[in-house]
N, C-alpha and C. Protein backbone atom coordinates (compact mmCIF):
# COMPACT_ATOMS: atom_id res chain seq x y z
N MET A 1 -2.73 16.49 18.08
CA MET A 1 -4.10 15.87 17.77
C MET A 1 -4.69 15.43 19.26
N ASP A 2 -6.06 16.00 19.14
CA ASP A 2 -6.77 15.70 20.47
C ASP A 2 -7.24 14.36 20.74
N LEU A 3 -7.52 14.07 22.06
CA LEU A 3 -7.65 12.68 22.64
C LEU A 3 -8.89 12.12 21.73
N LEU A 4 -9.99 12.86 21.42
CA LEU A 4 -11.18 12.32 21.00
C LEU A 4 -10.90 11.94 19.75
N THR A 5 -10.04 12.39 18.73
CA THR A 5 -9.80 12.13 17.52
C THR A 5 -8.77 10.96 17.39
N THR A 6 -7.91 10.97 18.57
CA THR A 6 -7.09 9.75 18.65
C THR A 6 -7.81 8.54 19.05
N LEU A 7 -8.81 8.64 19.90
CA LEU A 7 -9.64 7.49 20.27
C LEU A 7 -10.49 6.89 19.08
N LEU A 8 -10.93 8.05 18.22
CA LEU A 8 -11.81 7.62 17.10
C LEU A 8 -10.91 6.78 15.96
N ILE A 9 -9.69 7.22 15.86
CA ILE A 9 -8.76 6.68 14.87
C ILE A 9 -8.51 5.32 15.52
N ALA A 10 -8.32 5.08 16.89
CA ALA A 10 -7.90 3.74 17.44
C ALA A 10 -9.14 2.86 17.14
N ILE A 11 -10.36 3.34 17.42
CA ILE A 11 -11.63 2.61 17.09
C ILE A 11 -11.67 2.03 15.79
N GLY A 12 -11.48 3.10 14.85
CA GLY A 12 -11.51 2.81 13.36
C GLY A 12 -10.42 1.76 13.03
N LEU A 13 -9.38 1.90 13.49
CA LEU A 13 -8.18 0.88 13.10
C LEU A 13 -8.58 -0.47 13.81
N SER A 14 -9.09 -0.48 14.92
CA SER A 14 -9.30 -1.86 15.65
C SER A 14 -10.39 -2.63 15.16
N MET A 15 -11.22 -1.99 14.26
CA MET A 15 -12.51 -2.77 13.65
C MET A 15 -11.95 -4.04 12.84
N ASP A 16 -10.97 -4.04 12.19
CA ASP A 16 -10.37 -5.33 11.51
C ASP A 16 -10.09 -6.37 12.51
N ALA A 17 -9.27 -6.02 13.50
CA ALA A 17 -8.91 -6.75 14.53
C ALA A 17 -10.28 -7.39 15.33
N PHE A 18 -10.96 -6.38 15.63
CA PHE A 18 -12.41 -6.75 16.37
C PHE A 18 -13.16 -7.88 15.55
N ALA A 19 -13.17 -7.58 14.30
CA ALA A 19 -13.98 -8.45 13.45
C ALA A 19 -13.29 -10.03 13.38
N VAL A 20 -11.94 -10.04 13.20
CA VAL A 20 -11.31 -11.13 13.45
C VAL A 20 -11.49 -12.00 14.77
N ALA A 21 -11.33 -11.10 15.79
CA ALA A 21 -11.61 -11.63 17.07
C ALA A 21 -13.10 -12.18 17.29
N VAL A 22 -13.89 -11.39 16.80
CA VAL A 22 -15.41 -12.06 16.72
C VAL A 22 -15.36 -13.45 16.02
N ALA A 23 -14.80 -13.28 14.86
CA ALA A 23 -14.88 -14.65 13.98
C ALA A 23 -14.07 -15.63 14.86
N SER A 24 -13.03 -15.40 15.34
CA SER A 24 -12.27 -16.41 16.16
C SER A 24 -13.20 -16.96 17.34
N GLY A 25 -13.95 -16.02 18.06
CA GLY A 25 -14.84 -16.36 19.02
C GLY A 25 -15.83 -17.45 18.54
N ILE A 26 -16.22 -17.11 17.24
CA ILE A 26 -17.37 -18.14 16.75
C ILE A 26 -16.61 -19.46 16.55
N ALA A 27 -15.41 -19.40 15.99
CA ALA A 27 -14.69 -20.71 15.50
C ALA A 27 -14.09 -21.44 16.74
N LEU A 28 -13.64 -20.80 17.80
CA LEU A 28 -12.93 -21.58 18.87
C LEU A 28 -13.91 -22.28 19.69
N ASN A 29 -13.59 -23.81 19.83
CA ASN A 29 -14.13 -24.56 20.60
C ASN A 29 -13.56 -24.50 22.11
N ASN A 30 -14.28 -24.70 23.13
CA ASN A 30 -13.75 -24.58 24.40
C ASN A 30 -12.98 -23.23 24.72
N LEU A 31 -13.68 -22.18 24.38
CA LEU A 31 -12.97 -20.97 24.63
C LEU A 31 -12.55 -20.80 26.11
N LYS A 32 -11.22 -20.37 26.29
CA LYS A 32 -10.89 -20.17 27.55
C LYS A 32 -10.27 -18.61 27.59
N THR A 33 -10.19 -18.09 28.86
CA THR A 33 -9.84 -16.57 29.08
C THR A 33 -8.49 -16.48 28.55
N LYS A 34 -7.59 -17.51 28.66
CA LYS A 34 -6.09 -17.38 28.03
C LYS A 34 -6.30 -17.20 26.60
N ASP A 35 -7.10 -17.89 25.81
CA ASP A 35 -7.27 -17.63 24.44
C ASP A 35 -7.71 -16.33 24.08
N ALA A 36 -8.49 -15.89 24.72
CA ALA A 36 -9.01 -14.50 24.41
C ALA A 36 -7.85 -13.40 24.85
N LEU A 37 -7.16 -13.64 25.89
CA LEU A 37 -6.02 -12.89 26.10
C LEU A 37 -4.82 -12.92 25.05
N THR A 38 -4.69 -14.15 24.49
CA THR A 38 -3.65 -14.32 23.49
C THR A 38 -4.01 -13.56 22.37
N ILE A 39 -5.17 -13.68 21.94
CA ILE A 39 -5.62 -13.01 20.70
C ILE A 39 -5.70 -11.68 20.77
N ALA A 40 -6.12 -11.01 21.81
CA ALA A 40 -6.13 -9.61 22.08
C ALA A 40 -4.69 -9.06 22.31
N THR A 41 -3.72 -9.78 22.85
CA THR A 41 -2.54 -9.12 23.05
C THR A 41 -1.57 -9.30 21.74
N SER A 42 -1.78 -10.24 20.79
CA SER A 42 -1.36 -10.18 19.67
C SER A 42 -1.77 -9.17 18.87
N PHE A 43 -3.08 -8.81 18.72
CA PHE A 43 -3.78 -7.78 17.88
C PHE A 43 -3.28 -6.41 18.51
N GLY A 44 -3.51 -6.32 19.82
CA GLY A 44 -3.15 -5.06 20.54
C GLY A 44 -1.61 -4.63 20.21
N LEU A 45 -0.70 -5.52 20.44
CA LEU A 45 0.68 -5.25 20.32
C LEU A 45 1.08 -4.83 18.84
N PHE A 46 0.53 -5.50 17.74
CA PHE A 46 0.84 -5.22 16.65
C PHE A 46 0.24 -3.83 16.07
N GLN A 47 -0.97 -3.48 16.57
CA GLN A 47 -1.52 -2.20 16.34
C GLN A 47 -0.87 -1.22 16.99
N ALA A 48 -0.12 -1.46 18.21
CA ALA A 48 0.65 -0.32 18.76
C ALA A 48 2.10 -0.07 17.94
N VAL A 49 2.52 -1.15 17.41
CA VAL A 49 3.91 -1.16 16.79
C VAL A 49 3.87 -0.72 15.50
N MET A 50 2.84 -0.83 14.70
CA MET A 50 2.75 -0.66 13.32
C MET A 50 2.61 0.90 12.94
N PRO A 51 1.95 1.73 13.84
CA PRO A 51 1.87 3.11 13.76
C PRO A 51 3.42 3.74 13.82
N VAL A 52 4.06 3.28 14.80
CA VAL A 52 5.53 3.66 15.03
C VAL A 52 6.39 3.47 13.80
N LEU A 53 6.24 2.18 13.23
CA LEU A 53 7.03 2.02 12.04
C LEU A 53 6.72 2.84 10.92
N GLY A 54 5.34 3.25 10.78
CA GLY A 54 4.92 3.85 9.66
C GLY A 54 5.45 5.49 9.97
N TRP A 55 5.37 5.86 11.14
CA TRP A 55 5.74 7.19 11.63
C TRP A 55 7.24 7.48 11.24
N TRP A 56 8.03 6.43 11.57
CA TRP A 56 9.38 6.49 11.46
C TRP A 56 9.69 6.59 9.77
N THR A 57 9.02 5.88 9.10
CA THR A 57 9.18 6.00 7.56
C THR A 57 8.68 7.31 7.15
N GLY A 58 7.76 7.84 7.60
CA GLY A 58 7.11 9.17 7.28
C GLY A 58 8.05 10.28 7.58
N LEU A 59 8.81 10.23 8.72
CA LEU A 59 9.81 11.14 9.03
C LEU A 59 10.80 11.44 7.95
N SER A 60 11.18 10.25 7.43
CA SER A 60 12.23 10.39 6.24
C SER A 60 11.73 10.92 5.08
N LEU A 61 10.33 10.82 4.75
CA LEU A 61 9.87 11.40 3.58
C LEU A 61 9.22 12.76 3.70
N ARG A 62 9.02 13.32 5.06
CA ARG A 62 8.16 14.50 5.27
C ARG A 62 8.69 15.64 4.62
N GLN A 63 9.99 15.92 4.58
CA GLN A 63 10.61 17.17 3.87
C GLN A 63 10.14 17.16 2.47
N PHE A 64 10.06 16.10 1.71
CA PHE A 64 9.75 16.00 0.51
C PHE A 64 8.28 16.31 0.08
N ILE A 65 7.41 16.17 0.96
CA ILE A 65 5.96 16.24 0.64
C ILE A 65 5.08 17.05 1.81
N SER A 66 5.77 17.90 2.44
CA SER A 66 5.23 18.80 3.33
C SER A 66 3.99 19.76 2.91
N GLY A 67 4.14 20.02 1.68
CA GLY A 67 3.10 20.90 1.02
C GLY A 67 1.71 20.01 0.81
N ILE A 68 1.89 18.80 0.63
CA ILE A 68 0.50 18.15 0.39
C ILE A 68 0.19 16.96 1.37
N ASP A 69 0.96 17.12 2.56
CA ASP A 69 0.79 16.16 3.62
C ASP A 69 -0.67 15.86 4.15
N HIS A 70 -1.45 16.94 4.14
CA HIS A 70 -2.91 16.68 4.54
C HIS A 70 -3.67 16.04 3.42
N TRP A 71 -3.26 16.21 2.22
CA TRP A 71 -3.88 15.47 1.07
C TRP A 71 -3.65 13.82 1.24
N ILE A 72 -2.20 13.65 1.58
CA ILE A 72 -1.83 12.21 1.69
C ILE A 72 -2.67 11.69 2.82
N ALA A 73 -2.59 12.43 3.96
CA ALA A 73 -3.29 11.76 5.13
C ALA A 73 -4.78 11.45 4.80
N PHE A 74 -5.43 12.42 4.21
CA PHE A 74 -6.85 12.36 3.71
C PHE A 74 -6.99 11.05 2.97
N GLY A 75 -5.99 11.00 1.79
CA GLY A 75 -6.13 9.89 0.92
C GLY A 75 -5.85 8.54 1.60
N LEU A 76 -4.89 8.47 2.39
CA LEU A 76 -4.62 7.12 3.06
C LEU A 76 -5.62 6.78 4.09
N LEU A 77 -6.27 7.75 4.91
CA LEU A 77 -7.43 7.36 5.72
C LEU A 77 -8.50 6.86 4.95
N SER A 78 -8.88 7.70 3.94
CA SER A 78 -10.05 7.48 3.17
C SER A 78 -9.87 5.99 2.34
N ALA A 79 -8.68 5.92 1.89
CA ALA A 79 -8.49 4.58 1.19
C ALA A 79 -8.61 3.30 2.24
N ILE A 80 -8.07 3.54 3.43
CA ILE A 80 -8.31 2.32 4.28
C ILE A 80 -9.75 2.27 4.68
N GLY A 81 -10.50 3.27 4.81
CA GLY A 81 -11.99 3.19 5.22
C GLY A 81 -12.69 2.57 4.10
N VAL A 82 -12.39 3.05 2.75
CA VAL A 82 -13.21 2.42 1.80
C VAL A 82 -12.80 0.79 1.62
N LYS A 83 -11.55 0.53 1.72
CA LYS A 83 -10.90 -0.79 1.88
C LYS A 83 -11.82 -1.71 2.80
N MET A 84 -11.97 -1.12 4.09
CA MET A 84 -12.64 -1.85 5.18
C MET A 84 -14.15 -2.07 4.66
N ILE A 85 -14.72 -1.00 4.14
CA ILE A 85 -16.11 -1.12 3.85
C ILE A 85 -16.19 -2.18 2.70
N TYR A 86 -15.43 -2.13 1.69
CA TYR A 86 -15.35 -2.93 0.64
C TYR A 86 -15.36 -4.31 0.84
N GLU A 87 -14.24 -4.74 1.89
CA GLU A 87 -14.10 -6.02 2.37
C GLU A 87 -15.18 -6.65 3.01
N ALA A 88 -15.86 -5.69 3.86
CA ALA A 88 -16.96 -6.15 4.71
C ALA A 88 -18.25 -6.44 3.93
N THR A 89 -18.28 -5.74 2.77
CA THR A 89 -19.56 -6.06 1.98
C THR A 89 -19.26 -7.15 0.93
N ARG A 90 -18.17 -7.50 0.76
CA ARG A 90 -17.84 -8.57 -0.40
C ARG A 90 -17.65 -9.88 0.31
N LEU A 91 -17.27 -9.98 1.59
CA LEU A 91 -17.03 -11.33 2.03
C LEU A 91 -18.24 -12.29 2.05
N ASP A 92 -18.11 -13.65 1.84
CA ASP A 92 -19.01 -14.45 1.66
C ASP A 92 -19.52 -14.87 3.42
N ASP A 93 -20.71 -15.13 3.48
CA ASP A 93 -21.17 -15.47 4.90
C ASP A 93 -20.58 -16.76 5.22
N ASP A 94 -20.16 -17.55 4.41
CA ASP A 94 -19.73 -18.92 4.69
C ASP A 94 -18.22 -19.01 4.90
N GLU A 95 -17.60 -17.80 4.79
CA GLU A 95 -15.98 -18.07 4.93
C GLU A 95 -15.79 -18.11 6.61
N LYS A 96 -14.89 -19.00 6.80
CA LYS A 96 -14.65 -19.17 8.44
C LYS A 96 -13.28 -18.69 8.65
N PRO A 97 -12.89 -18.09 9.86
CA PRO A 97 -11.62 -17.73 10.24
C PRO A 97 -10.77 -18.96 10.58
N MET A 98 -9.59 -18.72 10.39
CA MET A 98 -8.63 -19.72 10.94
C MET A 98 -8.80 -19.92 12.47
N SER A 99 -9.04 -21.03 13.03
CA SER A 99 -9.51 -21.26 14.25
C SER A 99 -8.35 -21.59 15.28
N SER A 100 -7.29 -21.71 14.54
CA SER A 100 -6.10 -22.17 15.54
C SER A 100 -5.44 -20.95 16.20
N LEU A 101 -4.78 -21.36 17.41
CA LEU A 101 -4.16 -20.14 18.14
C LEU A 101 -2.66 -20.39 17.99
N ARG A 102 -2.17 -21.19 16.95
CA ARG A 102 -0.75 -21.36 16.84
C ARG A 102 -0.06 -19.94 16.66
N PHE A 103 1.19 -19.99 16.94
CA PHE A 103 1.81 -18.61 16.79
C PHE A 103 1.95 -18.23 15.34
N ARG A 104 2.17 -19.02 14.42
CA ARG A 104 2.13 -18.55 13.05
C ARG A 104 0.77 -17.96 12.40
N VAL A 105 -0.27 -18.66 12.83
CA VAL A 105 -1.64 -18.12 12.52
C VAL A 105 -1.83 -16.81 13.12
N LEU A 106 -1.49 -16.75 14.41
CA LEU A 106 -1.73 -15.31 15.14
C LEU A 106 -0.83 -14.40 14.53
N LEU A 107 0.26 -14.52 14.21
CA LEU A 107 1.24 -13.52 13.71
C LEU A 107 0.66 -13.01 12.47
N LEU A 108 0.23 -14.05 11.47
CA LEU A 108 -0.25 -13.61 10.18
C LEU A 108 -1.59 -12.77 10.38
N LEU A 109 -2.37 -13.10 11.32
CA LEU A 109 -3.71 -12.32 11.49
C LEU A 109 -3.41 -11.00 12.15
N ALA A 110 -2.39 -11.00 13.07
CA ALA A 110 -2.09 -9.69 13.66
C ALA A 110 -1.49 -8.79 12.79
N ILE A 111 -0.54 -9.32 11.85
CA ILE A 111 -0.01 -8.44 10.70
C ILE A 111 -1.13 -8.03 9.76
N ALA A 112 -2.03 -8.95 9.39
CA ALA A 112 -3.05 -8.63 8.42
C ALA A 112 -3.95 -7.43 8.86
N THR A 113 -4.33 -7.53 10.17
CA THR A 113 -5.20 -6.64 10.73
C THR A 113 -4.64 -5.13 11.18
N SER A 114 -3.29 -5.24 11.14
CA SER A 114 -2.47 -3.92 11.48
C SER A 114 -1.81 -3.25 10.38
N ILE A 115 -1.89 -3.63 9.20
CA ILE A 115 -1.30 -2.83 8.10
C ILE A 115 -1.94 -1.58 7.90
N ASP A 116 -3.11 -1.40 8.13
CA ASP A 116 -3.75 -0.12 8.12
C ASP A 116 -3.21 0.98 9.21
N ALA A 117 -2.76 0.38 10.40
CA ALA A 117 -2.03 1.20 11.31
C ALA A 117 -0.84 1.71 10.78
N LEU A 118 -0.21 1.06 10.10
CA LEU A 118 1.12 1.38 9.50
C LEU A 118 0.85 2.50 8.60
N ALA A 119 -0.08 2.74 7.79
CA ALA A 119 -0.53 3.95 7.01
C ALA A 119 -0.95 4.98 7.81
N VAL A 120 -1.68 4.80 8.95
CA VAL A 120 -1.93 5.94 9.82
C VAL A 120 -0.76 6.48 10.40
N GLY A 121 0.25 5.65 10.90
CA GLY A 121 1.42 6.18 11.50
C GLY A 121 2.30 7.16 10.47
N LEU A 122 2.17 6.57 9.18
CA LEU A 122 2.76 7.55 8.21
C LEU A 122 1.96 8.77 8.01
N SER A 123 0.63 8.93 7.99
CA SER A 123 -0.01 10.18 8.16
C SER A 123 0.24 10.83 9.29
N PHE A 124 0.56 10.28 10.50
CA PHE A 124 0.89 11.12 11.77
C PHE A 124 2.18 11.94 11.39
N ALA A 125 3.12 11.17 10.86
CA ALA A 125 4.62 11.79 10.54
C ALA A 125 4.30 13.04 9.63
N PHE A 126 3.47 12.96 8.75
CA PHE A 126 3.22 13.99 7.84
C PHE A 126 2.65 15.33 8.57
N LEU A 127 1.67 14.77 9.46
CA LEU A 127 0.92 15.90 10.18
C LEU A 127 1.69 16.34 11.53
N HIS A 128 2.89 15.96 11.69
CA HIS A 128 3.69 16.27 12.76
C HIS A 128 2.99 15.95 14.22
N VAL A 129 2.43 14.66 14.23
CA VAL A 129 1.86 14.14 15.38
C VAL A 129 2.76 13.29 16.20
N PRO A 130 3.03 13.71 17.36
CA PRO A 130 4.09 12.73 18.27
C PRO A 130 3.39 11.47 18.23
N ILE A 131 4.10 10.30 18.25
CA ILE A 131 3.60 8.99 17.99
C ILE A 131 3.34 8.12 19.28
N ILE A 132 3.91 8.38 20.31
CA ILE A 132 3.97 7.33 21.50
C ILE A 132 2.58 7.45 21.99
N ALA A 133 1.97 8.56 22.43
CA ALA A 133 0.52 8.50 22.94
C ALA A 133 -0.50 7.81 22.01
N PRO A 134 -0.50 8.22 20.76
CA PRO A 134 -1.38 7.64 19.88
C PRO A 134 -1.21 6.12 19.65
N SER A 135 -0.08 5.79 19.71
CA SER A 135 0.33 4.22 19.43
C SER A 135 -0.01 3.46 20.61
N LEU A 136 0.14 3.92 21.78
CA LEU A 136 -0.28 3.26 23.08
C LEU A 136 -1.80 3.06 23.17
N ILE A 137 -2.51 4.26 22.74
CA ILE A 137 -3.90 4.38 22.78
C ILE A 137 -4.52 3.30 21.88
N ILE A 138 -3.91 3.35 20.49
CA ILE A 138 -4.38 2.39 19.50
C ILE A 138 -4.20 0.98 19.90
N GLY A 139 -3.04 0.55 20.63
CA GLY A 139 -2.82 -0.73 21.15
C GLY A 139 -3.85 -1.11 22.13
N ALA A 140 -3.99 -0.21 23.14
CA ALA A 140 -5.09 -0.42 24.16
C ALA A 140 -6.40 -0.67 23.72
N VAL A 141 -6.79 0.26 22.94
CA VAL A 141 -8.16 0.09 22.46
C VAL A 141 -8.31 -1.28 21.68
N THR A 142 -7.40 -1.52 20.74
CA THR A 142 -7.47 -2.95 20.04
C THR A 142 -7.42 -4.20 21.03
N PHE A 143 -6.53 -3.91 21.95
CA PHE A 143 -6.58 -5.00 23.07
C PHE A 143 -8.04 -5.24 23.64
N VAL A 144 -8.50 -4.17 24.25
CA VAL A 144 -9.68 -4.33 24.93
C VAL A 144 -10.86 -4.67 23.84
N LEU A 145 -10.95 -4.22 22.63
CA LEU A 145 -12.10 -4.57 21.75
C LEU A 145 -11.84 -6.01 21.23
N SER A 146 -10.53 -6.39 21.09
CA SER A 146 -10.39 -7.72 20.53
C SER A 146 -10.75 -8.72 21.65
N PHE A 147 -10.30 -8.42 22.93
CA PHE A 147 -10.65 -9.37 23.98
C PHE A 147 -12.21 -9.43 24.14
N ALA A 148 -12.99 -8.33 24.02
CA ALA A 148 -14.49 -8.34 23.97
C ALA A 148 -15.01 -8.96 22.89
N GLY A 149 -14.30 -8.77 21.60
CA GLY A 149 -14.71 -9.43 20.40
C GLY A 149 -14.75 -10.96 20.37
N VAL A 150 -13.86 -11.43 21.07
CA VAL A 150 -13.79 -13.07 21.24
C VAL A 150 -14.97 -13.40 21.82
N TYR A 151 -15.33 -12.91 22.94
CA TYR A 151 -16.57 -13.26 23.75
C TYR A 151 -17.83 -12.96 23.07
N LEU A 152 -17.80 -11.92 22.45
CA LEU A 152 -19.08 -11.51 21.67
C LEU A 152 -19.28 -12.53 20.48
N GLY A 153 -18.07 -12.93 19.94
CA GLY A 153 -18.13 -13.83 18.83
C GLY A 153 -18.73 -15.19 19.21
N ARG A 154 -18.49 -15.43 20.39
CA ARG A 154 -18.79 -16.76 21.16
C ARG A 154 -20.33 -16.70 21.26
N ARG A 155 -20.92 -15.51 21.56
CA ARG A 155 -22.32 -15.48 21.80
C ARG A 155 -23.07 -15.06 20.47
N VAL A 156 -22.87 -13.92 19.97
CA VAL A 156 -23.58 -13.39 18.91
C VAL A 156 -22.93 -12.83 17.69
N GLY A 157 -21.61 -13.18 17.63
CA GLY A 157 -20.73 -12.43 16.59
C GLY A 157 -21.24 -12.43 15.17
N HIS A 158 -21.82 -13.55 14.69
CA HIS A 158 -22.21 -13.86 13.37
C HIS A 158 -23.31 -12.73 12.91
N LEU A 159 -23.88 -12.07 13.84
CA LEU A 159 -25.11 -11.19 13.46
C LEU A 159 -24.36 -9.71 13.22
N PHE A 160 -23.12 -9.41 13.66
CA PHE A 160 -22.57 -8.14 13.53
C PHE A 160 -21.30 -7.88 12.84
N GLU A 161 -20.71 -8.95 12.53
CA GLU A 161 -19.20 -8.86 12.09
C GLU A 161 -19.03 -7.91 10.92
N ASN A 162 -19.68 -7.99 9.78
CA ASN A 162 -19.55 -7.01 8.73
C ASN A 162 -19.95 -5.50 9.04
N LYS A 163 -20.88 -5.38 9.73
CA LYS A 163 -21.44 -4.05 10.18
C LYS A 163 -20.36 -3.34 10.89
N ILE A 164 -19.64 -3.98 11.72
CA ILE A 164 -18.58 -3.41 12.55
C ILE A 164 -17.47 -2.82 11.60
N GLU A 165 -17.05 -3.65 10.74
CA GLU A 165 -16.09 -3.29 9.74
C GLU A 165 -16.54 -2.00 9.14
N ILE A 166 -17.68 -1.99 8.60
CA ILE A 166 -18.31 -0.78 7.88
C ILE A 166 -18.23 0.41 8.70
N LEU A 167 -18.61 0.24 10.06
CA LEU A 167 -18.58 1.53 10.94
C LEU A 167 -17.15 1.91 10.98
N GLY A 168 -16.22 1.01 11.25
CA GLY A 168 -14.85 1.40 11.39
C GLY A 168 -14.26 2.25 10.05
N GLY A 169 -14.61 1.58 8.75
CA GLY A 169 -14.47 2.22 7.67
C GLY A 169 -14.99 3.84 7.47
N LEU A 170 -16.10 3.90 8.04
CA LEU A 170 -16.70 5.16 7.89
C LEU A 170 -16.08 6.23 8.87
N ILE A 171 -15.72 5.57 9.98
CA ILE A 171 -15.02 6.57 11.13
C ILE A 171 -13.65 7.14 10.49
N LEU A 172 -12.99 6.07 9.83
CA LEU A 172 -11.75 6.71 9.29
C LEU A 172 -11.78 7.64 8.03
N ILE A 173 -12.72 7.38 7.24
CA ILE A 173 -13.11 8.31 6.15
C ILE A 173 -13.26 9.71 6.80
N GLY A 174 -14.36 9.78 7.82
CA GLY A 174 -14.60 11.10 8.52
C GLY A 174 -13.46 11.68 9.02
N ILE A 175 -12.54 11.04 9.70
CA ILE A 175 -11.34 11.57 10.21
C ILE A 175 -10.47 12.09 9.16
N GLY A 176 -10.39 11.35 8.13
CA GLY A 176 -9.60 11.83 7.03
C GLY A 176 -10.00 13.18 6.34
N LEU A 177 -11.37 13.17 6.25
CA LEU A 177 -12.07 14.49 5.78
C LEU A 177 -11.85 15.75 6.82
N LYS A 178 -11.81 15.32 8.19
CA LYS A 178 -11.69 16.36 9.05
C LYS A 178 -10.36 17.02 8.93
N ILE A 179 -9.39 16.17 8.82
CA ILE A 179 -7.89 16.61 8.59
C ILE A 179 -7.74 17.35 7.41
N LEU A 180 -8.39 17.00 6.31
CA LEU A 180 -8.33 17.71 5.02
C LEU A 180 -8.91 19.18 5.20
N LEU A 181 -10.13 19.22 5.84
CA LEU A 181 -10.83 20.47 5.96
C LEU A 181 -10.10 21.37 6.95
N GLN A 182 -9.34 20.81 7.98
CA GLN A 182 -8.77 21.80 8.97
C GLN A 182 -7.48 22.40 8.21
N HIS A 183 -6.86 21.61 7.24
CA HIS A 183 -5.59 22.01 6.68
C HIS A 183 -5.96 23.05 5.49
N LEU A 184 -7.15 22.88 5.01
CA LEU A 184 -7.69 23.71 3.93
C LEU A 184 -8.30 25.08 4.57
N GLY A 185 -8.39 25.20 5.85
CA GLY A 185 -8.88 26.46 6.36
C GLY A 185 -10.26 26.48 6.56
N THR A 186 -11.13 25.24 6.49
CA THR A 186 -12.55 25.22 6.57
C THR A 186 -12.68 25.07 8.08
N PRO A 187 -13.72 25.73 8.64
CA PRO A 187 -13.94 25.68 10.16
C PRO A 187 -14.65 24.27 10.50
């Protein structure tokens, strides 16, 4: 998988974490750099680990579904993208994120925003994509965007939160379509 595709996947996957980071920036009082680093590290770490877990799972299943792996990758990425778009358009504007930086809250938010990365890791296994570099890129992009998201949320986050998740969903659908078309032999 080329670097541009990996970066686009990383950006698409990080949109949930970015949106939560923006919402956290809106909700946190007395925002400190330490708070932004804590949020970004939590999200980045889980976004880096979850594709590896999905990849390991996919390796054990790959021999059984190798003939339809491109359809599965397309389906998973498209489903994740549609889910992100749906969630971005159905959320009430009045919903407030959990504003606590307690370990349990951060753990739940990090897991919730990285479940999609698990499915992408599964797709990578089916497509025979080595996992280490993409996983590190996904984690790093998520860290950077989450860190920036906390500060953006502090300033103007309430204006862009849902639009960012819609963009992320569209990116993932586009990548899924690209994978499908490549495997079907369409240039």
